Amino acid sequence: MNASEGTDGPGIGVARYDWTQDRLDTFRGNKDGPCGMWANDVLVHNGELWVATELGISRYSLKRDTWRHFVPLNDTTQDLREASCQDIYQEVAARLSATPDEADKVCDLYGGPPRYIFRNLLQKYRPEAAAILNWNDSN
C-alpha cells in the first residue's frame, strides 16, 4: 500500500483503485487519509480499513467514506483516544527537540534536529497541516 520502496521518502501513502471508473484515488492525511507519512500495515475488517502508521492508527469506514484517527491515551496504557490529524501533528511537533542530538546520527544525516525534519516532511507531504501548526521552536 505504500509506494516508498526504492525512493528517498514516503510514497503516495494509501491508495484505492476504482475498477469501474479506472481511477486511482490516494489518501494523503488530514481529512482524507491516515495521519502518518508511512502506511506500516493495513487490515480490512467488517467494512472498515484500518491503517497503522508511525503516528497512530486510522480507520476508514467504507460505508460512510469517513476517517477516524487514534493514538495512545498516554505512555503507560494500551488504551487509545481519538484525535484529529492536526492535533496529532501538533503533539508530535511539541514533543520533538528543536536542537540537534549529537548522538542521533540518523537525524543528522538530513541536516537538522528532529523537529526540523518532521517540519520538512509535513511541508512536503502534508503542506496544509504544516502551514497551520504552531512551530514554537523555543526548546
C-alpha atoms as a PDB file:
ATOM      1  CA  MET A   1       0.000   0.000   0.000  1.00  0.00           C
ATOM      2  CA  ASN A   2       2.965   2.336   0.473  1.00  0.00           C
ATOM      3  CA  ALA A   3       4.830   3.271  -2.688  1.00  0.00           C
ATOM      4  CA  SER A   4       8.018   4.404  -0.972  1.00  0.00           C
ATOM      5  CA  GLU A   5      10.087   1.312  -1.675  1.00  0.00           C
ATOM      6  CA  GLY A   6      13.178   2.313  -3.608  1.00  0.00           C
ATOM      7  CA  THR A   7      12.660   6.051  -3.038  1.00  0.00           C
ATOM      8  CA  ASP A   8      14.111   8.562  -0.612  1.00  0.00           C
ATOM      9  CA  GLY A   9      10.880   9.247   1.264  1.00  0.00           C
ATOM     10  CA  PRO A  10       7.211   8.497   1.649  1.00  0.00           C
ATOM     11  CA  GLY A  11       5.294   7.499  -1.417  1.00  0.00           C
ATOM     12  CA  ILE A  12       1.663   8.108  -2.132  1.00  0.00           C
ATOM     13  CA  GLY A  13       0.579   6.511   1.143  1.00  0.00           C
ATOM     14  CA  VAL A  14      -2.656   4.557   0.945  1.00  0.00           C
ATOM     15  CA  ALA A  15      -4.342   4.291  -2.432  1.00  0.00           C
ATOM     16  CA  ARG A  16      -7.621   2.843  -3.678  1.00  0.00           C
ATOM     17  CA  TYR A  17      -8.185   1.727  -7.247  1.00  0.00           C
ATOM     18  CA  ASP A  18     -11.727   2.110  -8.616  1.00  0.00           C
ATOM     19  CA  TRP A  19     -12.048  -0.627 -11.231  1.00  0.00           C
ATOM     20  CA  THR A  20     -15.382   0.639 -12.534  1.00  0.00           C
ATOM     21  CA  GLN A  21     -14.005   4.113 -13.327  1.00  0.00           C
ATOM     22  CA  ASP A  22     -10.379   3.063 -14.000  1.00  0.00           C
ATOM     23  CA  ARG A  23      -9.199   5.624 -11.441  1.00  0.00           C
ATOM     24  CA  LEU A  24      -6.602   5.654  -8.655  1.00  0.00           C
ATOM     25  CA  ASP A  25      -7.531   7.644  -5.536  1.00  0.00           C
ATOM     26  CA  THR A  26      -4.890   8.440  -2.935  1.00  0.00           C
ATOM     27  CA  PHE A  27      -5.412   9.307   0.706  1.00  0.00           C
ATOM     28  CA  ARG A  28      -2.893  11.857   1.958  1.00  0.00           C
ATOM     29  CA  GLY A  29      -3.661  12.657   5.596  1.00  0.00           C
ATOM     30  CA  ASN A  30      -5.719  15.274   7.412  1.00  0.00           C
ATOM     31  CA  LYS A  31      -9.394  14.836   6.486  1.00  0.00           C
ATOM     32  CA  ASP A  32      -8.954  12.395   3.624  1.00  0.00           C
ATOM     33  CA  GLY A  33      -6.481   9.801   4.842  1.00  0.00           C
ATOM     34  CA  PRO A  34      -4.309   8.322   7.561  1.00  0.00           C
ATOM     35  CA  CYS A  35      -2.311  10.771   9.654  1.00  0.00           C
ATOM     36  CA  GLY A  36       1.168   9.334   9.184  1.00  0.00           C
ATOM     37  CA  MET A  37       3.637   9.526   6.339  1.00  0.00           C
ATOM     38  CA  TRP A  38       4.080   5.753   6.006  1.00  0.00           C
ATOM     39  CA  ALA A  39       1.447   3.010   5.941  1.00  0.00           C
ATOM     40  CA  ASN A  40       3.100   0.274   8.007  1.00  0.00           C
ATOM     41  CA  ASP A  41       0.229  -2.194   7.979  1.00  0.00           C
ATOM     42  CA  VAL A  42      -3.366  -2.435   6.765  1.00  0.00           C
ATOM     43  CA  LEU A  43      -6.379  -4.571   7.626  1.00  0.00           C
ATOM     44  CA  VAL A  44      -9.875  -4.669   6.134  1.00  0.00           C
ATOM     45  CA  HIS A  45     -12.416  -5.912   8.670  1.00  0.00           C
ATOM     46  CA  ASN A  46     -16.208  -5.558   8.835  1.00  0.00           C
ATOM     47  CA  GLY A  47     -16.380  -2.849   6.170  1.00  0.00           C
ATOM     48  CA  GLU A  48     -13.548  -0.778   7.622  1.00  0.00           C
ATOM     49  CA  LEU A  49      -9.970  -0.212   6.541  1.00  0.00           C
ATOM     50  CA  TRP A  50      -7.519   0.041   9.449  1.00  0.00           C
ATOM     51  CA  VAL A  51      -4.154   1.649   8.681  1.00  0.00           C
ATOM     52  CA  ALA A  52      -1.229   1.588  11.111  1.00  0.00           C
ATOM     53  CA  THR A  53       1.224   4.445  10.605  1.00  0.00           C
ATOM     54  CA  GLU A  54       4.218   5.736  12.541  1.00  0.00           C
ATOM     55  CA  LEU A  55       1.904   8.267  14.224  1.00  0.00           C
ATOM     56  CA  GLY A  56      -1.045   6.064  15.197  1.00  0.00           C
ATOM     57  CA  ILE A  57      -3.946   4.122  13.751  1.00  0.00           C
ATOM     58  CA  SER A  58      -6.500   5.456  11.287  1.00  0.00           C
ATOM     59  CA  ARG A  59      -9.816   3.788  10.484  1.00  0.00           C
ATOM     60  CA  TYR A  60     -11.690   4.370   7.235  1.00  0.00           C
ATOM     61  CA  SER A  61     -15.373   3.466   7.038  1.00  0.00           C
ATOM     62  CA  LEU A  62     -16.002   2.128   3.546  1.00  0.00           C
ATOM     63  CA  LYS A  63     -19.746   2.611   4.038  1.00  0.00           C
ATOM     64  CA  ARG A  64     -19.617   6.225   5.306  1.00  0.00           C
ATOM     65  CA  ASP A  65     -16.451   7.319   3.435  1.00  0.00           C
ATOM     66  CA  THR A  66     -15.031   8.843   6.630  1.00  0.00           C
ATOM     67  CA  TRP A  67     -11.761   8.622   8.570  1.00  0.00           C
ATOM     68  CA  ARG A  68     -11.200   8.479  12.344  1.00  0.00           C
ATOM     69  CA  HIS A  69      -7.749   8.599  13.942  1.00  0.00           C
ATOM     70  CA  PHE A  70      -6.447   7.093  17.178  1.00  0.00           C
ATOM     71  CA  VAL A  71      -3.298   7.448  19.282  1.00  0.00           C
ATOM     72  CA  PRO A  72      -2.281   6.041  22.674  1.00  0.00           C
ATOM     73  CA  LEU A  73      -4.114   7.614  25.598  1.00  0.00           C
ATOM     74  CA  ASN A  74      -0.795   8.057  27.419  1.00  0.00           C
ATOM     75  CA  ASP A  75       2.618   6.435  27.764  1.00  0.00           C
ATOM     76  CA  THR A  76       1.519   3.905  30.395  1.00  0.00           C
ATOM     77  CA  THR A  77      -1.526   2.247  28.843  1.00  0.00           C
ATOM     78  CA  GLN A  78      -2.565   0.493  25.663  1.00  0.00           C
ATOM     79  CA  ASP A  79      -5.860   2.392  25.594  1.00  0.00           C
ATOM     80  CA  LEU A  80      -6.491   4.640  22.608  1.00  0.00           C
ATOM     81  CA  ARG A  81      -8.053   8.067  22.263  1.00  0.00           C
ATOM     82  CA  GLU A  82      -9.488   9.676  19.169  1.00  0.00           C
ATOM     83  CA  ALA A  83      -7.720  12.741  17.763  1.00  0.00           C
ATOM     84  CA  SER A  84      -7.613  14.742  14.556  1.00  0.00           C
ATOM     85  CA  CYS A  85      -4.546  14.538  12.317  1.00  0.00           C
ATOM     86  CA  GLN A  86      -3.883  18.197  13.058  1.00  0.00           C
ATOM     87  CA  ASP A  87      -3.881  17.530  16.823  1.00  0.00           C
ATOM     88  CA  ILE A  88      -1.572  14.546  16.343  1.00  0.00           C
ATOM     89  CA  TYR A  89       0.862  16.582  14.231  1.00  0.00           C
ATOM     90  CA  GLN A  90       0.856  19.370  16.830  1.00  0.00           C
ATOM     91  CA  GLU A  91       1.519  16.927  19.684  1.00  0.00           C
ATOM     92  CA  VAL A  92       4.409  15.332  17.794  1.00  0.00           C
ATOM     93  CA  ALA A  93       5.913  18.718  16.907  1.00  0.00           C
ATOM     94  CA  ALA A  94       5.707  19.809  20.555  1.00  0.00           C
ATOM     95  CA  ARG A  95       7.493  16.642  21.763  1.00  0.00           C
ATOM     96  CA  LEU A  96      10.356  16.784  19.257  1.00  0.00           C
ATOM     97  CA  SER A  97      13.530  18.641  20.066  1.00  0.00           C
ATOM     98  CA  ALA A  98      14.398  21.778  18.137  1.00  0.00           C
ATOM     99  CA  THR A  99      18.101  21.257  18.811  1.00  0.00           C
ATOM    100  CA  PRO A 100      20.354  18.592  17.256  1.00  0.00           C
ATOM    101  CA  ASP A 101      21.249  15.499  19.270  1.00  0.00           C
ATOM    102  CA  GLU A 102      24.891  14.668  18.610  1.00  0.00           C
ATOM    103  CA  ALA A 103      24.224  11.005  19.446  1.00  0.00           C
ATOM    104  CA  ASP A 104      21.473  10.726  16.826  1.00  0.00           C
ATOM    105  CA  LYS A 105      23.363  10.351  13.575  1.00  0.00           C
ATOM    106  CA  VAL A 106      20.239   9.295  11.621  1.00  0.00           C
ATOM    107  CA  CYS A 107      18.519  12.639  12.143  1.00  0.00           C
ATOM    108  CA  ASP A 108      21.749  14.496  11.499  1.00  0.00           C
ATOM    109  CA  LEU A 109      22.058  12.812   8.085  1.00  0.00           C
ATOM    110  CA  TYR A 110      19.164  15.000   6.987  1.00  0.00           C
ATOM    111  CA  GLY A 111      20.768  18.144   8.324  1.00  0.00           C
ATOM    112  CA  GLY A 112      18.763  19.081  11.346  1.00  0.00           C
ATOM    113  CA  PRO A 113      17.143  18.321  14.668  1.00  0.00           C
ATOM    114  CA  PRO A 114      14.080  16.077  14.916  1.00  0.00           C
ATOM    115  CA  ARG A 115      11.519  18.915  14.830  1.00  0.00           C
ATOM    116  CA  TYR A 116      13.162  20.380  11.703  1.00  0.00           C
ATOM    117  CA  ILE A 117      12.980  17.012   9.949  1.00  0.00           C
ATOM    118  CA  PHE A 118       9.342  16.488  10.945  1.00  0.00           C
ATOM    119  CA  ARG A 119       8.507  20.012   9.755  1.00  0.00           C
ATOM    120  CA  ASN A 120      10.145  19.343   6.382  1.00  0.00           C
ATOM    121  CA  LEU A 121       8.242  16.070   5.978  1.00  0.00           C
ATOM    122  CA  LEU A 122       4.942  17.798   6.735  1.00  0.00           C
ATOM    123  CA  GLN A 123       5.740  20.693   4.404  1.00  0.00           C
ATOM    124  CA  LYS A 124       6.455  18.254   1.592  1.00  0.00           C
ATOM    125  CA  TYR A 125       3.709  15.663   2.140  1.00  0.00           C
ATOM    126  CA  ARG A 126       1.066  17.492   4.234  1.00  0.00           C
ATOM    127  CA  PRO A 127       1.583  21.196   3.382  1.00  0.00           C
ATOM    128  CA  GLU A 128      -1.851  22.286   4.592  1.00  0.00           C
ATOM    129  CA  ALA A 129      -1.155  20.793   8.012  1.00  0.00           C
ATOM    130  CA  ALA A 130       2.350  22.248   8.241  1.00  0.00           C
ATOM    131  CA  ALA A 131       1.092  25.744   7.406  1.00  0.00           C
ATOM    132  CA  ILE A 132      -1.240  25.961  10.399  1.00  0.00           C
ATOM    133  CA  LEU A 133       0.836  24.258  13.106  1.00  0.00           C
ATOM    134  CA  ASN A 134       2.352  26.208  15.958  1.00  0.00           C
ATOM    135  CA  TRP A 135       6.088  25.608  15.435  1.00  0.00           C
ATOM    136  CA  ASN A 136       7.238  27.047  18.785  1.00  0.00           C
ATOM    137  CA  ASP A 137      10.991  26.469  18.412  1.00  0.00           C
ATOM    138  CA  SER A 138      11.953  27.739  21.858  1.00  0.00           C
ATOM    139  CA  ASN A 139      13.219  24.407  23.242  1.00  0.00           C
END
